[in-house]
N, C-alpha and C. Protein backbone atom coordinates (compact mmCIF):
# COMPACT_ATOMS: atom_id res chain seq x y z
N MET A 1 69.58 127.77 133.86
CA MET A 1 69.65 128.02 132.41
C MET A 1 69.00 126.85 131.66
N PRO A 2 68.05 127.11 130.77
CA PRO A 2 67.38 126.04 130.05
C PRO A 2 68.35 125.32 129.12
N SER A 3 68.17 124.00 128.97
CA SER A 3 69.05 123.22 128.10
C SER A 3 68.74 123.54 126.64
N ILE A 4 69.75 123.39 125.79
CA ILE A 4 69.58 123.70 124.38
C ILE A 4 68.64 122.69 123.72
N ASP A 5 67.81 123.17 122.82
CA ASP A 5 66.87 122.32 122.09
C ASP A 5 67.65 121.23 121.35
N PRO A 6 67.24 119.95 121.45
CA PRO A 6 68.00 118.86 120.82
C PRO A 6 68.11 119.00 119.31
N ILE A 7 67.09 119.58 118.67
CA ILE A 7 67.15 119.78 117.22
C ILE A 7 68.24 120.79 116.89
N GLN A 8 68.24 121.92 117.61
CA GLN A 8 69.24 122.94 117.38
C GLN A 8 70.64 122.44 117.73
N ARG A 9 70.71 121.60 118.76
CA ARG A 9 72.00 121.05 119.16
C ARG A 9 72.60 120.20 118.04
N LEU A 10 71.76 119.38 117.38
CA LEU A 10 72.26 118.53 116.31
C LEU A 10 72.63 119.36 115.09
N ILE A 11 71.84 120.40 114.81
CA ILE A 11 72.15 121.29 113.68
C ILE A 11 73.52 121.95 113.91
N LEU A 12 73.76 122.41 115.14
CA LEU A 12 75.05 123.02 115.47
C LEU A 12 76.19 122.01 115.35
N ALA A 13 75.92 120.77 115.74
CA ALA A 13 76.94 119.73 115.66
C ALA A 13 77.29 119.42 114.21
N PHE A 14 76.26 119.26 113.35
CA PHE A 14 76.51 119.01 111.94
C PHE A 14 77.24 120.18 111.29
N SER A 15 76.95 121.40 111.74
CA SER A 15 77.55 122.60 111.15
C SER A 15 79.06 122.66 111.37
N LYS A 16 79.57 121.88 112.31
CA LYS A 16 81.00 121.87 112.58
C LYS A 16 81.78 121.03 111.58
N LEU A 17 81.05 120.25 110.75
CA LEU A 17 81.70 119.42 109.74
C LEU A 17 82.16 120.29 108.57
N PRO A 18 83.25 119.92 107.89
CA PRO A 18 83.73 120.71 106.75
C PRO A 18 82.69 120.80 105.64
N SER A 19 82.56 122.00 105.09
CA SER A 19 81.67 122.26 103.95
C SER A 19 80.19 122.04 104.26
N VAL A 20 79.83 121.98 105.53
CA VAL A 20 78.42 121.82 105.91
C VAL A 20 77.94 123.12 106.54
N GLY A 21 77.04 123.81 105.82
CA GLY A 21 76.47 125.04 106.34
C GLY A 21 75.22 124.76 107.15
N GLU A 22 74.56 125.81 107.60
CA GLU A 22 73.38 125.66 108.44
C GLU A 22 72.23 124.98 107.70
N LYS A 23 72.06 125.31 106.41
CA LYS A 23 70.97 124.70 105.64
C LYS A 23 71.18 123.20 105.49
N THR A 24 72.40 122.80 105.14
CA THR A 24 72.69 121.38 104.99
C THR A 24 72.56 120.66 106.33
N ALA A 25 73.05 121.30 107.39
CA ALA A 25 72.95 120.71 108.72
C ALA A 25 71.49 120.52 109.13
N SER A 26 70.66 121.49 108.80
CA SER A 26 69.23 121.38 109.10
C SER A 26 68.59 120.25 108.31
N ARG A 27 69.00 120.09 107.05
CA ARG A 27 68.46 119.02 106.21
C ARG A 27 68.83 117.65 106.78
N PHE A 28 70.08 117.50 107.21
CA PHE A 28 70.51 116.25 107.84
C PHE A 28 69.67 115.96 109.09
N THR A 29 69.50 116.99 109.89
CA THR A 29 68.79 116.82 111.17
C THR A 29 67.35 116.39 110.97
N PHE A 30 66.65 117.07 110.08
CA PHE A 30 65.23 116.75 109.88
C PHE A 30 65.05 115.44 109.11
N TYR A 31 66.05 115.08 108.32
CA TYR A 31 66.01 113.77 107.67
C TYR A 31 66.02 112.67 108.73
N LEU A 32 66.94 112.79 109.69
CA LEU A 32 67.03 111.79 110.75
C LEU A 32 65.79 111.79 111.63
N LEU A 33 65.26 112.98 111.86
CA LEU A 33 64.08 113.11 112.73
C LEU A 33 62.86 112.44 112.13
N ASN A 34 62.79 112.45 110.80
CA ASN A 34 61.62 111.90 110.12
C ASN A 34 61.80 110.45 109.66
N ARG A 35 62.90 109.85 110.02
CA ARG A 35 63.15 108.47 109.66
C ARG A 35 63.11 107.58 110.90
N SER A 36 63.27 106.30 110.67
CA SER A 36 63.24 105.33 111.77
C SER A 36 64.33 105.65 112.79
N PRO A 37 64.03 105.52 114.09
CA PRO A 37 65.04 105.78 115.13
C PRO A 37 66.26 104.88 114.98
N GLU A 38 66.10 103.73 114.34
CA GLU A 38 67.23 102.82 114.18
C GLU A 38 68.36 103.44 113.36
N ILE A 39 68.00 104.31 112.40
CA ILE A 39 69.02 104.96 111.57
C ILE A 39 69.88 105.88 112.42
N ALA A 40 69.24 106.68 113.27
CA ALA A 40 69.98 107.58 114.16
C ALA A 40 70.83 106.78 115.15
N GLU A 41 70.29 105.68 115.63
CA GLU A 41 71.03 104.84 116.57
C GLU A 41 72.26 104.22 115.91
N GLU A 42 72.10 103.81 114.66
CA GLU A 42 73.22 103.23 113.94
C GLU A 42 74.34 104.25 113.74
N ILE A 43 73.96 105.48 113.39
CA ILE A 43 74.94 106.55 113.22
C ILE A 43 75.61 106.88 114.55
N ALA A 44 74.81 106.94 115.62
CA ALA A 44 75.35 107.24 116.95
C ALA A 44 76.34 106.17 117.39
N ASP A 45 76.02 104.91 117.13
CA ASP A 45 76.92 103.81 117.50
C ASP A 45 78.23 103.89 116.71
N ALA A 46 78.10 104.21 115.42
CA ALA A 46 79.30 104.32 114.58
C ALA A 46 80.20 105.46 115.04
N LEU A 47 79.59 106.59 115.41
CA LEU A 47 80.36 107.73 115.90
C LEU A 47 81.03 107.41 117.23
N SER A 48 80.32 106.68 118.08
CA SER A 48 80.86 106.32 119.38
C SER A 48 82.08 105.41 119.24
N ALA A 49 82.03 104.52 118.24
CA ALA A 49 83.13 103.57 118.04
C ALA A 49 84.31 104.19 117.33
N LEU A 50 84.09 105.37 116.73
CA LEU A 50 85.12 105.99 115.91
C LEU A 50 86.42 106.21 116.68
N HIS A 51 86.32 106.75 117.88
CA HIS A 51 87.51 107.04 118.67
C HIS A 51 87.89 105.91 119.61
N SER A 52 86.92 105.11 119.99
CA SER A 52 87.22 104.03 120.92
C SER A 52 87.83 102.81 120.23
N ALA A 53 87.45 102.57 118.98
CA ALA A 53 87.90 101.36 118.28
C ALA A 53 88.99 101.63 117.25
N VAL A 54 89.02 102.83 116.68
CA VAL A 54 89.99 103.12 115.62
C VAL A 54 91.29 103.63 116.23
N LYS A 55 92.41 103.11 115.73
CA LYS A 55 93.72 103.50 116.24
C LYS A 55 94.72 103.57 115.10
N PHE A 56 95.92 104.07 115.39
CA PHE A 56 96.97 104.10 114.39
C PHE A 56 97.54 102.69 114.20
N CYS A 57 97.71 102.28 112.94
CA CYS A 57 98.43 101.05 112.67
C CYS A 57 99.88 101.26 113.11
N SER A 58 100.43 100.33 113.85
CA SER A 58 101.79 100.48 114.37
C SER A 58 102.84 100.40 113.28
N GLU A 59 102.46 99.92 112.10
CA GLU A 59 103.39 99.83 110.98
C GLU A 59 103.35 101.06 110.08
N CYS A 60 102.15 101.41 109.61
CA CYS A 60 102.05 102.44 108.57
C CYS A 60 101.32 103.70 109.00
N ALA A 61 100.78 103.73 110.23
CA ALA A 61 100.05 104.88 110.78
C ALA A 61 98.70 105.11 110.11
N HIS A 62 98.23 104.10 109.35
CA HIS A 62 96.86 104.16 108.82
C HIS A 62 95.88 104.07 109.99
N LEU A 63 94.72 104.67 109.86
CA LEU A 63 93.69 104.57 110.89
C LEU A 63 92.90 103.30 110.66
N SER A 64 92.88 102.44 111.66
CA SER A 64 92.27 101.12 111.47
C SER A 64 91.77 100.58 112.80
N ALA A 65 90.80 99.69 112.72
CA ALA A 65 90.28 99.03 113.92
C ALA A 65 91.12 97.82 114.28
N GLN A 66 92.06 97.45 113.40
CA GLN A 66 92.95 96.33 113.71
C GLN A 66 94.39 96.78 113.56
N ASP A 67 95.29 96.11 114.27
CA ASP A 67 96.70 96.45 114.24
C ASP A 67 97.52 95.16 114.17
N PRO A 68 98.29 94.95 113.09
CA PRO A 68 98.46 95.82 111.93
C PRO A 68 97.17 95.94 111.10
N CYS A 69 97.13 96.98 110.27
CA CYS A 69 95.94 97.20 109.44
C CYS A 69 95.85 96.14 108.36
N ARG A 70 94.75 96.15 107.61
CA ARG A 70 94.52 95.11 106.61
C ARG A 70 95.55 95.13 105.48
N PHE A 71 96.16 96.29 105.22
CA PHE A 71 97.17 96.36 104.18
C PHE A 71 98.48 95.74 104.67
N CYS A 72 98.93 96.16 105.84
CA CYS A 72 100.18 95.63 106.40
C CYS A 72 100.06 94.16 106.74
N ASN A 73 98.86 93.70 107.00
CA ASN A 73 98.64 92.32 107.43
C ASN A 73 98.41 91.37 106.25
N SER A 74 98.36 91.93 105.04
CA SER A 74 98.06 91.12 103.87
C SER A 74 99.32 90.53 103.25
N GLU A 75 99.31 89.23 102.99
CA GLU A 75 100.44 88.58 102.34
C GLU A 75 100.42 88.79 100.82
N LYS A 76 99.34 89.37 100.30
CA LYS A 76 99.21 89.59 98.87
C LYS A 76 99.79 90.94 98.43
N ARG A 77 100.13 91.80 99.39
CA ARG A 77 100.68 93.11 99.04
C ARG A 77 102.18 93.00 98.83
N ASP A 78 102.71 93.88 97.98
CA ASP A 78 104.15 93.95 97.72
C ASP A 78 104.82 94.69 98.87
N SER A 79 105.51 93.95 99.73
CA SER A 79 106.11 94.53 100.94
C SER A 79 107.36 95.36 100.65
N LEU A 80 107.84 95.34 99.40
CA LEU A 80 109.04 96.09 99.05
C LEU A 80 108.72 97.44 98.41
N THR A 81 107.45 97.78 98.36
CA THR A 81 107.02 99.08 97.81
C THR A 81 106.15 99.77 98.84
N ILE A 82 106.54 100.98 99.21
CA ILE A 82 105.80 101.75 100.22
C ILE A 82 105.41 103.10 99.62
N CYS A 83 104.13 103.36 99.59
CA CYS A 83 103.61 104.63 99.07
C CYS A 83 103.32 105.57 100.23
N VAL A 84 104.00 106.70 100.25
CA VAL A 84 103.86 107.67 101.34
C VAL A 84 102.81 108.72 100.96
N VAL A 85 101.77 108.82 101.76
CA VAL A 85 100.67 109.75 101.48
C VAL A 85 100.47 110.71 102.65
N GLU A 86 99.78 111.82 102.36
CA GLU A 86 99.53 112.82 103.40
C GLU A 86 98.54 112.34 104.44
N ASP A 87 97.45 111.74 103.97
CA ASP A 87 96.38 111.39 104.90
C ASP A 87 95.63 110.15 104.40
N VAL A 88 94.68 109.71 105.20
CA VAL A 88 93.94 108.49 104.88
C VAL A 88 93.08 108.66 103.63
N SER A 89 92.55 109.86 103.41
CA SER A 89 91.72 110.07 102.22
C SER A 89 92.54 109.88 100.94
N ALA A 90 93.81 110.27 100.96
CA ALA A 90 94.68 110.05 99.80
C ALA A 90 94.96 108.57 99.62
N LEU A 91 95.17 107.86 100.73
CA LEU A 91 95.36 106.40 100.67
C LEU A 91 94.16 105.74 100.01
N MET A 92 92.97 106.13 100.43
CA MET A 92 91.76 105.52 99.89
C MET A 92 91.60 105.84 98.41
N ALA A 93 91.99 107.06 98.01
CA ALA A 93 91.89 107.45 96.60
C ALA A 93 92.81 106.60 95.74
N ILE A 94 94.04 106.38 96.21
CA ILE A 94 94.99 105.56 95.47
C ILE A 94 94.52 104.11 95.41
N GLU A 95 94.00 103.61 96.50
CA GLU A 95 93.54 102.22 96.55
C GLU A 95 92.41 101.98 95.56
N LYS A 96 91.56 102.98 95.36
CA LYS A 96 90.43 102.84 94.45
C LYS A 96 90.85 102.70 92.99
N THR A 97 92.08 103.16 92.67
CA THR A 97 92.52 103.05 91.27
C THR A 97 92.73 101.60 90.87
N GLY A 98 93.02 100.72 91.85
CA GLY A 98 93.28 99.33 91.54
C GLY A 98 94.63 99.09 90.90
N GLU A 99 95.46 100.15 90.78
CA GLU A 99 96.76 100.05 90.12
C GLU A 99 97.90 99.78 91.10
N TYR A 100 97.64 99.94 92.38
CA TYR A 100 98.73 99.84 93.35
C TYR A 100 98.51 98.66 94.27
N ARG A 101 99.56 97.82 94.41
CA ARG A 101 99.46 96.63 95.25
C ARG A 101 100.52 96.58 96.34
N GLY A 102 101.17 97.70 96.60
CA GLY A 102 102.18 97.74 97.64
C GLY A 102 101.59 98.14 98.98
N LEU A 103 102.45 98.59 99.89
CA LEU A 103 102.04 99.04 101.21
C LEU A 103 101.97 100.56 101.24
N TYR A 104 101.52 101.10 102.37
CA TYR A 104 101.37 102.54 102.52
C TYR A 104 102.10 103.03 103.76
N HIS A 105 102.31 104.35 103.80
CA HIS A 105 102.72 105.00 105.04
C HIS A 105 102.03 106.36 105.07
N VAL A 106 101.29 106.62 106.14
CA VAL A 106 100.49 107.84 106.23
C VAL A 106 101.20 108.86 107.11
N LEU A 107 101.48 110.04 106.56
CA LEU A 107 102.19 111.08 107.30
C LEU A 107 101.28 111.85 108.26
N HIS A 108 100.00 111.91 107.93
CA HIS A 108 99.02 112.71 108.68
C HIS A 108 99.37 114.20 108.64
N GLY A 109 99.63 114.66 107.41
CA GLY A 109 99.90 116.08 107.19
C GLY A 109 101.10 116.27 106.29
N VAL A 110 101.46 117.54 106.10
CA VAL A 110 102.65 117.90 105.33
C VAL A 110 103.40 119.00 106.08
N ILE A 111 104.66 119.16 105.74
CA ILE A 111 105.45 120.22 106.34
C ILE A 111 104.90 121.56 105.87
N SER A 112 104.55 122.42 106.81
CA SER A 112 103.96 123.72 106.46
C SER A 112 104.41 124.76 107.48
N PRO A 113 105.52 125.45 107.19
CA PRO A 113 106.02 126.47 108.12
C PRO A 113 104.99 127.55 108.44
N PHE A 114 104.16 127.89 107.46
CA PHE A 114 103.15 128.93 107.67
C PHE A 114 102.17 128.53 108.77
N GLU A 115 101.86 127.22 108.85
CA GLU A 115 100.94 126.73 109.86
C GLU A 115 101.66 126.16 111.08
N GLY A 116 102.97 126.30 111.10
CA GLY A 116 103.74 125.83 112.23
C GLY A 116 103.88 124.32 112.31
N ILE A 117 103.78 123.64 111.16
CA ILE A 117 103.90 122.18 111.11
C ILE A 117 105.27 121.81 110.58
N GLY A 118 106.05 121.12 111.40
CA GLY A 118 107.38 120.69 111.01
C GLY A 118 107.46 119.19 110.87
N PRO A 119 108.62 118.67 110.50
CA PRO A 119 108.80 117.23 110.34
C PRO A 119 108.46 116.42 111.59
N ASP A 120 108.76 116.98 112.76
CA ASP A 120 108.49 116.25 114.00
C ASP A 120 107.00 116.09 114.29
N ASP A 121 106.17 116.88 113.60
CA ASP A 121 104.72 116.79 113.81
C ASP A 121 104.08 115.72 112.93
N LEU A 122 104.86 115.14 112.05
CA LEU A 122 104.35 114.13 111.12
C LEU A 122 104.91 112.75 111.48
N LYS A 123 104.43 111.73 110.77
CA LYS A 123 104.87 110.35 111.02
C LYS A 123 106.11 110.02 110.19
N ILE A 124 107.04 110.97 110.13
CA ILE A 124 108.26 110.77 109.35
C ILE A 124 109.25 109.89 110.10
N ALA A 125 109.42 110.14 111.39
CA ALA A 125 110.33 109.32 112.19
C ALA A 125 109.89 107.86 112.18
N ALA A 126 108.57 107.64 112.18
CA ALA A 126 108.04 106.27 112.13
C ALA A 126 108.40 105.60 110.81
N LEU A 127 108.43 106.37 109.72
CA LEU A 127 108.81 105.84 108.42
C LEU A 127 110.28 105.41 108.43
N ILE A 128 111.13 106.24 109.01
CA ILE A 128 112.55 105.91 109.09
C ILE A 128 112.76 104.64 109.91
N ARG A 129 112.09 104.55 111.05
CA ARG A 129 112.20 103.35 111.90
C ARG A 129 111.71 102.12 111.15
N ARG A 130 110.66 102.29 110.39
CA ARG A 130 110.10 101.17 109.62
C ARG A 130 111.10 100.66 108.59
N LEU A 131 111.78 101.58 107.89
CA LEU A 131 112.76 101.20 106.90
C LEU A 131 113.99 100.57 107.55
N GLN A 132 114.39 101.10 108.69
CA GLN A 132 115.53 100.52 109.40
C GLN A 132 115.21 99.11 109.86
N LYS A 133 114.00 98.90 110.32
CA LYS A 133 113.57 97.56 110.72
C LYS A 133 113.55 96.62 109.52
N LEU A 134 113.09 97.13 108.39
CA LEU A 134 113.02 96.33 107.17
C LEU A 134 114.42 95.95 106.69
N SER A 135 115.40 96.82 106.93
CA SER A 135 116.77 96.59 106.45
C SER A 135 117.41 95.36 107.08
N SER A 136 116.88 94.92 108.24
CA SER A 136 117.42 93.73 108.88
C SER A 136 116.99 92.45 108.16
N LYS A 137 115.98 92.58 107.31
CA LYS A 137 115.47 91.41 106.59
C LYS A 137 115.64 91.52 105.08
N GLN A 138 115.83 92.75 104.59
CA GLN A 138 115.83 92.99 103.15
C GLN A 138 116.80 94.11 102.80
N ALA A 139 117.55 93.96 101.71
CA ALA A 139 118.42 95.04 101.24
C ALA A 139 117.55 96.22 100.81
N LEU A 140 117.82 97.39 101.37
CA LEU A 140 116.98 98.55 101.05
C LEU A 140 117.14 99.01 99.61
N SER A 141 118.17 98.53 98.93
CA SER A 141 118.33 98.85 97.50
C SER A 141 117.24 98.19 96.67
N GLU A 142 116.53 97.23 97.26
CA GLU A 142 115.43 96.56 96.57
C GLU A 142 114.08 97.13 96.96
N VAL A 143 114.08 98.15 97.81
CA VAL A 143 112.84 98.75 98.31
C VAL A 143 112.58 100.06 97.57
N GLU A 144 111.33 100.27 97.18
CA GLU A 144 110.94 101.53 96.55
C GLU A 144 110.00 102.29 97.46
N VAL A 145 110.29 103.57 97.66
CA VAL A 145 109.40 104.45 98.39
C VAL A 145 108.81 105.45 97.39
N ILE A 146 107.50 105.38 97.22
CA ILE A 146 106.81 106.29 96.31
C ILE A 146 106.26 107.46 97.14
N ILE A 147 106.70 108.66 96.83
CA ILE A 147 106.20 109.83 97.55
C ILE A 147 104.98 110.36 96.81
N ALA A 148 103.83 110.26 97.46
CA ALA A 148 102.56 110.63 96.82
C ALA A 148 101.86 111.74 97.60
N THR A 149 102.64 112.72 98.03
CA THR A 149 102.02 113.89 98.65
C THR A 149 101.33 114.71 97.56
N ASN A 150 100.38 115.55 97.97
CA ASN A 150 99.63 116.34 96.99
C ASN A 150 100.55 117.29 96.23
N PRO A 151 100.25 117.59 94.98
CA PRO A 151 101.07 118.51 94.19
C PRO A 151 100.80 119.97 94.54
N SER A 152 101.01 120.30 95.80
CA SER A 152 100.85 121.66 96.30
C SER A 152 102.22 122.17 96.74
N VAL A 153 102.32 123.42 97.13
CA VAL A 153 103.60 123.97 97.58
C VAL A 153 104.12 123.18 98.78
N ASP A 154 103.25 122.95 99.77
CA ASP A 154 103.66 122.20 100.96
C ASP A 154 103.92 120.73 100.63
N GLY A 155 103.12 120.18 99.72
CA GLY A 155 103.31 118.80 99.32
C GLY A 155 104.64 118.59 98.62
N GLU A 156 105.01 119.54 97.76
CA GLU A 156 106.29 119.46 97.07
C GLU A 156 107.45 119.65 98.04
N ALA A 157 107.29 120.56 98.99
CA ALA A 157 108.34 120.79 99.99
C ALA A 157 108.55 119.54 100.84
N THR A 158 107.45 118.88 101.19
CA THR A 158 107.53 117.64 101.97
C THR A 158 108.20 116.54 101.16
N SER A 159 107.87 116.47 99.87
CA SER A 159 108.48 115.49 98.98
C SER A 159 109.99 115.69 98.91
N LEU A 160 110.42 116.92 98.77
CA LEU A 160 111.85 117.22 98.69
C LEU A 160 112.54 116.86 100.00
N TYR A 161 111.92 117.20 101.12
CA TYR A 161 112.49 116.89 102.43
C TYR A 161 112.65 115.38 102.60
N LEU A 162 111.61 114.62 102.24
CA LEU A 162 111.65 113.17 102.38
C LEU A 162 112.72 112.55 101.49
N SER A 163 112.81 113.02 100.26
CA SER A 163 113.79 112.45 99.33
C SER A 163 115.21 112.66 99.84
N GLU A 164 115.50 113.84 100.39
CA GLU A 164 116.83 114.11 100.93
C GLU A 164 117.10 113.29 102.18
N LEU A 165 116.06 113.04 102.96
CA LEU A 165 116.19 112.27 104.19
C LEU A 165 116.38 110.78 103.92
N LEU A 166 115.72 110.29 102.88
CA LEU A 166 115.72 108.86 102.60
C LEU A 166 116.88 108.40 101.72
N LYS A 167 117.44 109.28 100.92
CA LYS A 167 118.52 108.88 100.00
C LYS A 167 119.69 108.19 100.69
N PRO A 168 120.16 108.69 101.86
CA PRO A 168 121.28 108.02 102.52
C PRO A 168 120.98 106.58 102.94
N LEU A 169 119.71 106.22 103.04
CA LEU A 169 119.35 104.85 103.42
C LEU A 169 119.53 103.86 102.28
N GLY A 170 119.62 104.38 101.06
CA GLY A 170 119.83 103.51 99.91
C GLY A 170 118.57 102.99 99.26
N VAL A 171 117.40 103.50 99.65
CA VAL A 171 116.15 103.05 99.04
C VAL A 171 115.96 103.74 97.70
N ASN A 172 115.16 103.14 96.83
CA ASN A 172 114.79 103.76 95.57
C ASN A 172 113.62 104.70 95.85
N ILE A 173 113.75 105.94 95.44
CA ILE A 173 112.73 106.94 95.73
C ILE A 173 112.11 107.43 94.43
N SER A 174 110.78 107.46 94.38
CA SER A 174 110.09 107.99 93.21
C SER A 174 108.98 108.93 93.65
N ARG A 175 108.53 109.74 92.72
CA ARG A 175 107.46 110.72 92.97
C ARG A 175 106.37 110.49 91.95
N ILE A 176 105.10 110.52 92.38
CA ILE A 176 104.03 110.34 91.40
C ILE A 176 104.13 111.42 90.33
N ALA A 177 103.77 111.06 89.11
CA ALA A 177 103.92 111.94 87.96
C ALA A 177 102.99 113.14 88.06
N SER A 178 103.23 114.11 87.19
CA SER A 178 102.49 115.37 87.22
C SER A 178 101.16 115.30 86.49
N GLY A 179 100.58 114.10 86.40
CA GLY A 179 99.24 113.99 85.81
C GLY A 179 98.20 114.61 86.72
N ILE A 180 98.59 114.84 87.98
CA ILE A 180 97.71 115.51 88.92
C ILE A 180 98.03 116.99 88.90
N PRO A 181 97.07 117.88 88.59
CA PRO A 181 97.35 119.31 88.48
C PRO A 181 97.92 119.90 89.76
N MET A 182 98.82 120.86 89.62
CA MET A 182 99.42 121.55 90.75
C MET A 182 98.33 122.22 91.58
N GLY A 183 98.39 122.03 92.88
CA GLY A 183 97.43 122.66 93.78
C GLY A 183 96.21 121.82 94.06
N SER A 184 96.09 120.64 93.39
CA SER A 184 94.91 119.80 93.62
C SER A 184 95.18 118.80 94.73
N HIS A 185 94.16 118.03 95.09
CA HIS A 185 94.27 117.03 96.15
C HIS A 185 93.93 115.67 95.57
N LEU A 186 94.66 114.66 96.04
CA LEU A 186 94.50 113.32 95.47
C LEU A 186 93.09 112.78 95.60
N GLN A 187 92.42 113.09 96.74
CA GLN A 187 91.09 112.52 96.94
C GLN A 187 90.06 113.07 95.97
N TYR A 188 90.39 114.19 95.29
CA TYR A 188 89.46 114.78 94.33
C TYR A 188 89.83 114.46 92.89
N ALA A 189 90.96 113.79 92.67
CA ALA A 189 91.39 113.46 91.32
C ALA A 189 90.58 112.28 90.78
N ASP A 190 90.35 112.29 89.47
CA ASP A 190 89.64 111.15 88.89
C ASP A 190 90.58 109.94 88.90
N GLN A 191 90.01 108.76 88.91
CA GLN A 191 90.79 107.53 89.09
C GLN A 191 91.77 107.30 87.94
N LEU A 192 91.39 107.69 86.73
CA LEU A 192 92.27 107.49 85.58
C LEU A 192 93.53 108.33 85.70
N SER A 193 93.37 109.62 86.08
CA SER A 193 94.53 110.51 86.23
C SER A 193 95.43 110.03 87.36
N LEU A 194 94.82 109.60 88.45
CA LEU A 194 95.59 109.14 89.59
C LEU A 194 96.33 107.85 89.26
N ALA A 195 95.67 106.94 88.56
CA ALA A 195 96.31 105.69 88.16
C ALA A 195 97.49 105.97 87.24
N GLN A 196 97.32 106.91 86.30
CA GLN A 196 98.39 107.26 85.37
C GLN A 196 99.55 107.90 86.11
N ALA A 197 99.25 108.71 87.12
CA ALA A 197 100.30 109.35 87.90
C ALA A 197 101.14 108.32 88.64
N LEU A 198 100.49 107.25 89.10
CA LEU A 198 101.22 106.18 89.78
C LEU A 198 102.09 105.40 88.80
N VAL A 199 101.52 105.05 87.67
CA VAL A 199 102.25 104.26 86.68
C VAL A 199 103.44 105.06 86.12
N SER A 200 103.27 106.36 85.96
CA SER A 200 104.30 107.21 85.34
C SER A 200 105.17 107.91 86.38
N ARG A 201 105.21 107.40 87.60
CA ARG A 201 106.02 108.03 88.65
C ARG A 201 107.48 108.11 88.22
N ARG A 202 108.19 109.12 88.72
CA ARG A 202 109.58 109.34 88.33
C ARG A 202 110.51 109.14 89.52
N LYS A 203 111.74 108.76 89.24
CA LYS A 203 112.72 108.59 90.29
C LYS A 203 113.17 109.94 90.81
N LEU A 204 113.52 109.99 92.09
CA LEU A 204 114.03 111.22 92.69
C LEU A 204 115.49 111.04 93.06
């Protein structure tokens, strides 16, 4: 059987990316083909390192090449404030606002019965362990957990589940304000709206 044409192979590979159709995939492919080989090599090296070098931060579950990640490892961050987000893209969106100086915890999803995703499939147990570990050094009554899941049905359900789970620990729990429209995603929100949602967060 003849091997697949390398051009078509790359087009098919690009087509597997979200929101990338065949036309866009073809444009990417021919762009690389008509440019210096060093550009393709740089991209190939970066892709190769993606899974070999990037790992979960043992503290917050952020994806990072170092452990602990740069946020958990920074002495300039507020260690008594933890912002819980669905995924890394939401973390990056919040960080871009410049309004938040605390730590993060990445769930890597939300509770979604329709898709068969439950609490055990997320990094919720890791959050509980993290708070329990923190309690040996700090009164949890001085710790704030900001729940910053997306304002979607599943995001709200996850927020409610987390608040009920965390209340017995004695931490202060807040939810980002409704400046973010229902059904939207944090990574698509403008920085001003997202910053205002953080500043105007409410207690749960």
